[in-house]
Amino acid sequence: MLNATITLFAAYEVFFEPRKLWVRETIIFSKLKDIERDLKYDLAKDPNLPEDKLSAYKQKIDEALTESLDEWVKDKTSA
């Protein structure tokens, strides 16, 4: 009985983990698409964006990717 319960819990985790990953990565993808849309809009207004504006976009991208990595590491180290 105990072996069956352990197997059931292991199967549950394997089944639902990809869904959690998919949801998290969909959120990150959406954030990156928002940044891309804002950048395209700003470039349409002014093709010669100042360096500080470009740096701000890079920082937003880096933050979104770091958030994704941090969440992944947290998931993998909490197991």
PDB file of N, CA and C in Angstrom:
ATOM      1  N   MET A   1       0.833  -1.195   0.000  1.00  0.00           N
ATOM      2  CA  MET A   1       0.000   0.000   0.000  1.00  0.00           C
ATOM      3  C   MET A   1       0.872   1.252   0.000  1.00  0.00           C
ATOM      4  N   LEU A   2       1.922   1.260   0.815  1.00  0.00           N
ATOM      5  CA  LEU A   2       2.814   2.411   0.886  1.00  0.00           C
ATOM      6  C   LEU A   2       3.522   2.641  -0.447  1.00  0.00           C
ATOM      7  N   ASN A   3       3.969   1.562  -1.076  1.00  0.00           N
ATOM      8  CA  ASN A   3       4.622   1.694  -2.385  1.00  0.00           C
ATOM      9  C   ASN A   3       3.671   2.285  -3.424  1.00  0.00           C
ATOM     10  N   ALA A   4       2.445   1.880  -3.403  1.00  0.00           N
ATOM     11  CA  ALA A   4       1.459   2.400  -4.350  1.00  0.00           C
ATOM     12  C   ALA A   4       1.222   3.887  -4.115  1.00  0.00           C
ATOM     13  N   THR A   5       1.177   4.307  -2.861  1.00  0.00           N
ATOM     14  CA  THR A   5       0.975   5.718  -2.527  1.00  0.00           C
ATOM     15  C   THR A   5       2.161   6.562  -2.990  1.00  0.00           C
ATOM     16  N   ILE A   6       3.377   6.082  -2.747  1.00  0.00           N
ATOM     17  CA  ILE A   6       4.574   6.808  -3.184  1.00  0.00           C
ATOM     18  C   ILE A   6       4.591   6.935  -4.702  1.00  0.00           C
ATOM     19  N   THR A   7       4.273   5.860  -5.401  1.00  0.00           N
ATOM     20  CA  THR A   7       4.221   5.880  -6.863  1.00  0.00           C
ATOM     21  C   THR A   7       3.181   6.868  -7.351  1.00  0.00           C
ATOM     22  N   LEU A   8       2.045   6.908  -6.687  1.00  0.00           N
ATOM     23  CA  LEU A   8       0.975   7.828  -7.063  1.00  0.00           C
ATOM     24  C   LEU A   8       1.431   9.281  -6.915  1.00  0.00           C
ATOM     25  N   PHE A   9       2.092   9.613  -5.808  1.00  0.00           N
ATOM     26  CA  PHE A   9       2.587  10.975  -5.604  1.00  0.00           C
ATOM     27  C   PHE A   9       3.664  11.340  -6.620  1.00  0.00           C
ATOM     28  N   ALA A  10       4.531  10.419  -6.929  1.00  0.00           N
ATOM     29  CA  ALA A  10       5.587  10.673  -7.918  1.00  0.00           C
ATOM     30  C   ALA A  10       4.972  10.920  -9.291  1.00  0.00           C
ATOM     31  N   ALA A  11       3.981  10.133  -9.653  1.00  0.00           N
ATOM     32  CA  ALA A  11       3.307  10.306 -10.940  1.00  0.00           C
ATOM     33  C   ALA A  11       2.575  11.644 -10.989  1.00  0.00           C
ATOM     34  N   TYR A  12       1.975  12.028  -9.888  1.00  0.00           N
ATOM     35  CA  TYR A  12       1.270  13.314  -9.819  1.00  0.00           C
ATOM     36  C   TYR A  12       2.232  14.465 -10.077  1.00  0.00           C
ATOM     37  N   GLU A  13       3.405  14.425  -9.438  1.00  0.00           N
ATOM     38  CA  GLU A  13       4.385  15.500  -9.603  1.00  0.00           C
ATOM     39  C   GLU A  13       4.876  15.569 -11.047  1.00  0.00           C
ATOM     40  N   VAL A  14       5.187  14.435 -11.648  1.00  0.00           N
ATOM     41  CA  VAL A  14       5.654  14.400 -13.029  1.00  0.00           C
ATOM     42  C   VAL A  14       4.567  14.911 -13.972  1.00  0.00           C
ATOM     43  N   PHE A  15       3.323  14.578 -13.691  1.00  0.00           N
ATOM     44  CA  PHE A  15       2.228  14.988 -14.564  1.00  0.00           C
ATOM     45  C   PHE A  15       1.987  16.492 -14.508  1.00  0.00           C
ATOM     46  N   PHE A  16       2.046  17.105 -13.341  1.00  0.00           N
ATOM     47  CA  PHE A  16       1.691  18.503 -13.205  1.00  0.00           C
ATOM     48  C   PHE A  16       2.868  19.465 -13.306  1.00  0.00           C
ATOM     49  N   GLU A  17       4.084  19.012 -13.157  1.00  0.00           N
ATOM     50  CA  GLU A  17       5.258  19.888 -13.261  1.00  0.00           C
ATOM     51  C   GLU A  17       5.349  20.586 -14.626  1.00  0.00           C
ATOM     52  N   PRO A  18       5.161  19.875 -15.752  1.00  0.00           N
ATOM     53  CA  PRO A  18       5.231  20.575 -17.043  1.00  0.00           C
ATOM     54  C   PRO A  18       4.183  21.683 -17.185  1.00  0.00           C
ATOM     55  N   ARG A  19       3.031  21.485 -16.595  1.00  0.00           N
ATOM     56  CA  ARG A  19       1.996  22.519 -16.663  1.00  0.00           C
ATOM     57  C   ARG A  19       2.458  23.779 -15.929  1.00  0.00           C
ATOM     58  N   LYS A  20       3.050  23.596 -14.748  1.00  0.00           N
ATOM     59  CA  LYS A  20       3.564  24.727 -13.977  1.00  0.00           C
ATOM     60  C   LYS A  20       4.644  25.457 -14.770  1.00  0.00           C
ATOM     61  N   LEU A  21       5.540  24.696 -15.392  1.00  0.00           N
ATOM     62  CA  LEU A  21       6.596  25.284 -16.219  1.00  0.00           C
ATOM     63  C   LEU A  21       5.997  26.041 -17.392  1.00  0.00           C
ATOM     64  N   TRP A  22       5.008  25.446 -18.045  1.00  0.00           N
ATOM     65  CA  TRP A  22       4.385  26.085 -19.199  1.00  0.00           C
ATOM     66  C   TRP A  22       3.735  27.410 -18.801  1.00  0.00           C
ATOM     67  N   VAL A  23       3.040  27.429 -17.691  1.00  0.00           N
ATOM     68  CA  VAL A  23       2.384  28.661 -17.228  1.00  0.00           C
ATOM     69  C   VAL A  23       3.425  29.738 -16.933  1.00  0.00           C
ATOM     70  N   ARG A  24       4.481  29.366 -16.211  1.00  0.00           N
ATOM     71  CA  ARG A  24       5.518  30.332 -15.853  1.00  0.00           C
ATOM     72  C   ARG A  24       6.207  30.887 -17.095  1.00  0.00           C
ATOM     73  N   GLU A  25       6.557  30.021 -18.035  1.00  0.00           N
ATOM     74  CA  GLU A  25       7.253  30.471 -19.240  1.00  0.00           C
ATOM     75  C   GLU A  25       6.324  31.266 -20.164  1.00  0.00           C
ATOM     76  N   THR A  26       5.037  30.984 -20.119  1.00  0.00           N
ATOM     77  CA  THR A  26       4.084  31.788 -20.896  1.00  0.00           C
ATOM     78  C   THR A  26       4.016  33.214 -20.347  1.00  0.00           C
ATOM     79  N   ILE A  27       4.092  33.352 -19.046  1.00  0.00           N
ATOM     80  CA  ILE A  27       4.104  34.681 -18.423  1.00  0.00           C
ATOM     81  C   ILE A  27       5.365  35.438 -18.827  1.00  0.00           C
ATOM     82  N   ILE A  28       6.515  34.773 -18.790  1.00  0.00           N
ATOM     83  CA  ILE A  28       7.775  35.415 -19.180  1.00  0.00           C
ATOM     84  C   ILE A  28       7.723  35.789 -20.658  1.00  0.00           C
ATOM     85  N   PHE A  29       7.220  34.898 -21.493  1.00  0.00           N
ATOM     86  CA  PHE A  29       7.107  35.184 -22.921  1.00  0.00           C
ATOM     87  C   PHE A  29       6.225  36.411 -23.161  1.00  0.00           C
ATOM     88  N   SER A  30       5.138  36.504 -22.423  1.00  0.00           N
ATOM     89  CA  SER A  30       4.244  37.652 -22.553  1.00  0.00           C
ATOM     90  C   SER A  30       4.954  38.951 -22.162  1.00  0.00           C
ATOM     91  N   LYS A  31       5.734  38.907 -21.083  1.00  0.00           N
ATOM     92  CA  LYS A  31       6.491  40.089 -20.671  1.00  0.00           C
ATOM     93  C   LYS A  31       7.480  40.503 -21.759  1.00  0.00           C
ATOM     94  N   LEU A  32       8.166  39.519 -22.341  1.00  0.00           N
ATOM     95  CA  LEU A  32       9.133  39.829 -23.394  1.00  0.00           C
ATOM     96  C   LEU A  32       8.440  40.392 -24.635  1.00  0.00           C
ATOM     97  N   LYS A  33       7.276  39.875 -24.973  1.00  0.00           N
ATOM     98  CA  LYS A  33       6.515  40.411 -26.118  1.00  0.00           C
ATOM     99  C   LYS A  33       6.065  41.849 -25.845  1.00  0.00           C
ATOM    100  N   ASP A  34       5.694  42.148 -24.607  1.00  0.00           N
ATOM    101  CA  ASP A  34       5.331  43.521 -24.250  1.00  0.00           C
ATOM    102  C   ASP A  34       6.521  44.461 -24.422  1.00  0.00           C
ATOM    103  N   ILE A  35       7.688  44.014 -23.990  1.00  0.00           N
ATOM    104  CA  ILE A  35       8.895  44.831 -24.150  1.00  0.00           C
ATOM    105  C   ILE A  35       9.193  45.042 -25.631  1.00  0.00           C
ATOM    106  N   GLU A  36       9.072  43.979 -26.413  1.00  0.00           N
ATOM    107  CA  GLU A  36       9.308  44.089 -27.853  1.00  0.00           C
ATOM    108  C   GLU A  36       8.338  45.083 -28.502  1.00  0.00           C
ATOM    109  N   ARG A  37       7.082  45.005 -28.119  1.00  0.00           N
ATOM    110  CA  ARG A  37       6.069  45.912 -28.679  1.00  0.00           C
ATOM    111  C   ARG A  37       6.385  47.368 -28.325  1.00  0.00           C
ATOM    112  N   ASP A  38       6.776  47.605 -27.070  1.00  0.00           N
ATOM    113  CA  ASP A  38       7.135  48.966 -26.657  1.00  0.00           C
ATOM    114  C   ASP A  38       8.365  49.472 -27.399  1.00  0.00           C
ATOM    115  N   LEU A  39       9.343  48.600 -27.590  1.00  0.00           N
ATOM    116  CA  LEU A  39      10.548  48.991 -28.317  1.00  0.00           C
ATOM    117  C   LEU A  39      10.226  49.326 -29.765  1.00  0.00           C
ATOM    118  N   LYS A  40       9.432  48.506 -30.414  1.00  0.00           N
ATOM    119  CA  LYS A  40       9.042  48.793 -31.810  1.00  0.00           C
ATOM    120  C   LYS A  40       8.294  50.111 -31.908  1.00  0.00           C
ATOM    121  N   TYR A  41       7.439  50.380 -30.943  1.00  0.00           N
ATOM    122  CA  TYR A  41       6.692  51.640 -30.938  1.00  0.00           C
ATOM    123  C   TYR A  41       7.649  52.824 -30.810  1.00  0.00           C
ATOM    124  N   ASP A  42       8.573  52.736 -29.861  1.00  0.00           N
ATOM    125  CA  ASP A  42       9.538  53.827 -29.673  1.00  0.00           C
ATOM    126  C   ASP A  42      10.432  53.997 -30.892  1.00  0.00           C
ATOM    127  N   LEU A  43      10.810  52.898 -31.525  1.00  0.00           N
ATOM    128  CA  LEU A  43      11.642  52.999 -32.726  1.00  0.00           C
ATOM    129  C   LEU A  43      10.866  53.598 -33.898  1.00  0.00           C
ATOM    130  N   ALA A  44       9.571  53.349 -33.945  1.00  0.00           N
ATOM    131  CA  ALA A  44       8.748  53.942 -35.010  1.00  0.00           C
ATOM    132  C   ALA A  44       8.654  55.453 -34.832  1.00  0.00           C
ATOM    133  N   LYS A  45       8.622  55.899 -33.579  1.00  0.00           N
ATOM    134  CA  LYS A  45       8.578  57.342 -33.312  1.00  0.00           C
ATOM    135  C   LYS A  45       9.937  57.982 -33.564  1.00  0.00           C
ATOM    136  N   ASP A  46      11.004  57.301 -33.164  1.00  0.00           N
ATOM    137  CA  ASP A  46      12.356  57.851 -33.278  1.00  0.00           C
ATOM    138  C   ASP A  46      13.342  56.712 -33.525  1.00  0.00           C
ATOM    139  N   PRO A  47      13.770  56.522 -34.785  1.00  0.00           N
ATOM    140  CA  PRO A  47      14.686  55.424 -35.100  1.00  0.00           C
ATOM    141  C   PRO A  47      16.049  55.540 -34.404  1.00  0.00           C
ATOM    142  N   ASN A  48      16.398  56.719 -33.931  1.00  0.00           N
ATOM    143  CA  ASN A  48      17.673  56.933 -33.245  1.00  0.00           C
ATOM    144  C   ASN A  48      17.440  57.089 -31.742  1.00  0.00           C
ATOM    145  N   LEU A  49      17.050  56.008 -31.110  1.00  0.00           N
ATOM    146  CA  LEU A  49      16.790  56.061 -29.674  1.00  0.00           C
ATOM    147  C   LEU A  49      18.067  56.379 -28.913  1.00  0.00           C
ATOM    148  N   PRO A  50      17.947  57.191 -27.884  1.00  0.00           N
ATOM    149  CA  PRO A  50      19.123  57.488 -27.059  1.00  0.00           C
ATOM    150  C   PRO A  50      19.630  56.233 -26.342  1.00  0.00           C
ATOM    151  N   GLU A  51      20.902  56.266 -26.012  1.00  0.00           N
ATOM    152  CA  GLU A  51      21.555  55.128 -25.360  1.00  0.00           C
ATOM    153  C   GLU A  51      20.866  54.732 -24.048  1.00  0.00           C
ATOM    154  N   ASP A  52      20.415  55.721 -23.285  1.00  0.00           N
ATOM    155  CA  ASP A  52      19.774  55.398 -22.005  1.00  0.00           C
ATOM    156  C   ASP A  52      18.453  54.653 -22.198  1.00  0.00           C
ATOM    157  N   LYS A  53      17.721  54.975 -23.271  1.00  0.00           N
ATOM    158  CA  LYS A  53      16.461  54.274 -23.562  1.00  0.00           C
ATOM    159  C   LYS A  53      16.747  52.828 -23.943  1.00  0.00           C
ATOM    160  N   LEU A  54      17.769  52.628 -24.780  1.00  0.00           N
ATOM    161  CA  LEU A  54      18.134  51.271 -25.178  1.00  0.00           C
ATOM    162  C   LEU A  54      18.605  50.460 -23.965  1.00  0.00           C
ATOM    163  N   SER A  55      19.353  51.095 -23.099  1.00  0.00           N
ATOM    164  CA  SER A  55      19.823  50.421 -21.888  1.00  0.00           C
ATOM    165  C   SER A  55      18.651  50.030 -20.996  1.00  0.00           C
ATOM    166  N   ALA A  56      17.641  50.869 -20.936  1.00  0.00           N
ATOM    167  CA  ALA A  56      16.454  50.559 -20.134  1.00  0.00           C
ATOM    168  C   ALA A  56      15.733  49.328 -20.694  1.00  0.00           C
ATOM    169  N   TYR A  57      15.661  49.226 -22.020  1.00  0.00           N
ATOM    170  CA  TYR A  57      15.043  48.044 -22.625  1.00  0.00           C
ATOM    171  C   TYR A  57      15.854  46.797 -22.329  1.00  0.00           C
ATOM    172  N   LYS A  58      17.164  46.886 -22.439  1.00  0.00           N
ATOM    173  CA  LYS A  58      18.025  45.742 -22.130  1.00  0.00           C
ATOM    174  C   LYS A  58      17.839  45.318 -20.678  1.00  0.00           C
ATOM    175  N   GLN A  59      17.751  46.269 -19.781  1.00  0.00           N
ATOM    176  CA  GLN A  59      17.564  45.952 -18.367  1.00  0.00           C
ATOM    177  C   GLN A  59      16.230  45.223 -18.145  1.00  0.00           C
ATOM    178  N   LYS A  60      15.173  45.668 -18.818  1.00  0.00           N
ATOM    179  CA  LYS A  60      13.870  45.000 -18.690  1.00  0.00           C
ATOM    180  C   LYS A  60      13.944  43.555 -19.188  1.00  0.00           C
ATOM    181  N   ILE A  61      14.642  43.345 -20.305  1.00  0.00           N
ATOM    182  CA  ILE A  61      14.794  41.993 -20.841  1.00  0.00           C
ATOM    183  C   ILE A  61      15.579  41.125 -19.863  1.00  0.00           C
ATOM    184  N   ASP A  62      16.684  41.669 -19.370  1.00  0.00           N
ATOM    185  CA  ASP A  62      17.509  40.933 -18.412  1.00  0.00           C
ATOM    186  C   ASP A  62      16.715  40.569 -17.161  1.00  0.00           C
ATOM    187  N   GLU A  63      15.895  41.482 -16.676  1.00  0.00           N
ATOM    188  CA  GLU A  63      15.094  41.215 -15.480  1.00  0.00           C
ATOM    189  C   GLU A  63      14.094  40.084 -15.723  1.00  0.00           C
ATOM    190  N   ALA A  64      13.450  40.087 -16.886  1.00  0.00           N
ATOM    191  CA  ALA A  64      12.476  39.037 -17.201  1.00  0.00           C
ATOM    192  C   ALA A  64      13.167  37.675 -17.293  1.00  0.00           C
ATOM    193  N   LEU A  65      14.326  37.623 -17.937  1.00  0.00           N
ATOM    194  CA  LEU A  65      15.042  36.363 -18.076  1.00  0.00           C
ATOM    195  C   LEU A  65      15.605  35.893 -16.737  1.00  0.00           C
ATOM    196  N   THR A  66      16.069  36.812 -15.932  1.00  0.00           N
ATOM    197  CA  THR A  66      16.573  36.455 -14.605  1.00  0.00           C
ATOM    198  C   THR A  66      15.443  35.920 -13.731  1.00  0.00           C
ATOM    199  N   GLU A  67      14.281  36.529 -13.826  1.00  0.00           N
ATOM    200  CA  GLU A  67      13.111  36.049 -13.076  1.00  0.00           C
ATOM    201  C   GLU A  67      12.799  34.605 -13.454  1.00  0.00           C
ATOM    202  N   SER A  68      12.842  34.321 -14.758  1.00  0.00           N
ATOM    203  CA  SER A  68      12.578  32.969 -15.228  1.00  0.00           C
ATOM    204  C   SER A  68      13.605  31.986 -14.678  1.00  0.00           C
ATOM    205  N   LEU A  69      14.864  32.348 -14.755  1.00  0.00           N
ATOM    206  CA  LEU A  69      15.922  31.473 -14.253  1.00  0.00           C
ATOM    207  C   LEU A  69      15.814  31.273 -12.741  1.00  0.00           C
ATOM    208  N   ASP A  70      15.554  32.342 -12.012  1.00  0.00           N
ATOM    209  CA  ASP A  70      15.426  32.243 -10.556  1.00  0.00           C
ATOM    210  C   ASP A  70      14.289  31.300 -10.158  1.00  0.00           C
ATOM    211  N   GLU A  71      13.170  31.398 -10.852  1.00  0.00           N
ATOM    212  CA  GLU A  71      12.035  30.519 -10.554  1.00  0.00           C
ATOM    213  C   GLU A  71      12.386  29.066 -10.865  1.00  0.00           C
ATOM    214  N   TRP A  72      13.089  28.840 -11.967  1.00  0.00           N
ATOM    215  CA  TRP A  72      13.483  27.489 -12.333  1.00  0.00           C
ATOM    216  C   TRP A  72      14.412  26.910 -11.269  1.00  0.00           C
ATOM    217  N   VAL A  73      15.409  27.690 -10.852  1.00  0.00           N
ATOM    218  CA  VAL A  73      16.354  27.234  -9.841  1.00  0.00           C
ATOM    219  C   VAL A  73      15.623  26.952  -8.527  1.00  0.00           C
ATOM    220  N   LYS A  74      14.691  27.825  -8.162  1.00  0.00           N
ATOM    221  CA  LYS A  74      13.928  27.623  -6.922  1.00  0.00           C
ATOM    222  C   LYS A  74      13.132  26.322  -6.986  1.00  0.00           C
ATOM    223  N   ASP A  75      12.524  26.049  -8.129  1.00  0.00           N
ATOM    224  CA  ASP A  75      11.764  24.802  -8.285  1.00  0.00           C
ATOM    225  C   ASP A  75      12.670  23.583  -8.170  1.00  0.00           C
ATOM    226  N   LYS A  76      13.830  23.649  -8.774  1.00  0.00           N
ATOM    227  CA  LYS A  76      14.722  22.487  -8.810  1.00  0.00           C
ATOM    228  C   LYS A  76      15.441  22.259  -7.486  1.00  0.00           C
ATOM    229  N   THR A  77      15.670  23.318  -6.722  1.00  0.00           N
ATOM    230  CA  THR A  77      16.379  23.150  -5.460  1.00  0.00           C
ATOM    231  C   THR A  77      15.432  22.858  -4.295  1.00  0.00           C
ATOM    232  N   SER A  78      14.135  23.094  -4.473  1.00  0.00           N
ATOM    233  CA  SER A  78      13.183  22.839  -3.382  1.00  0.00           C
ATOM    234  C   SER A  78      12.716  21.388  -3.364  1.00  0.00           C
ATOM    235  N   ALA A  79      13.067  20.648  -4.392  1.00  0.00           N
ATOM    236  CA  ALA A  79      12.616  19.238  -4.468  1.00  0.00           C
ATOM    237  C   ALA A  79      13.415  18.341  -3.561  1.00  0.00           C
TER     238      ALA A  79
END
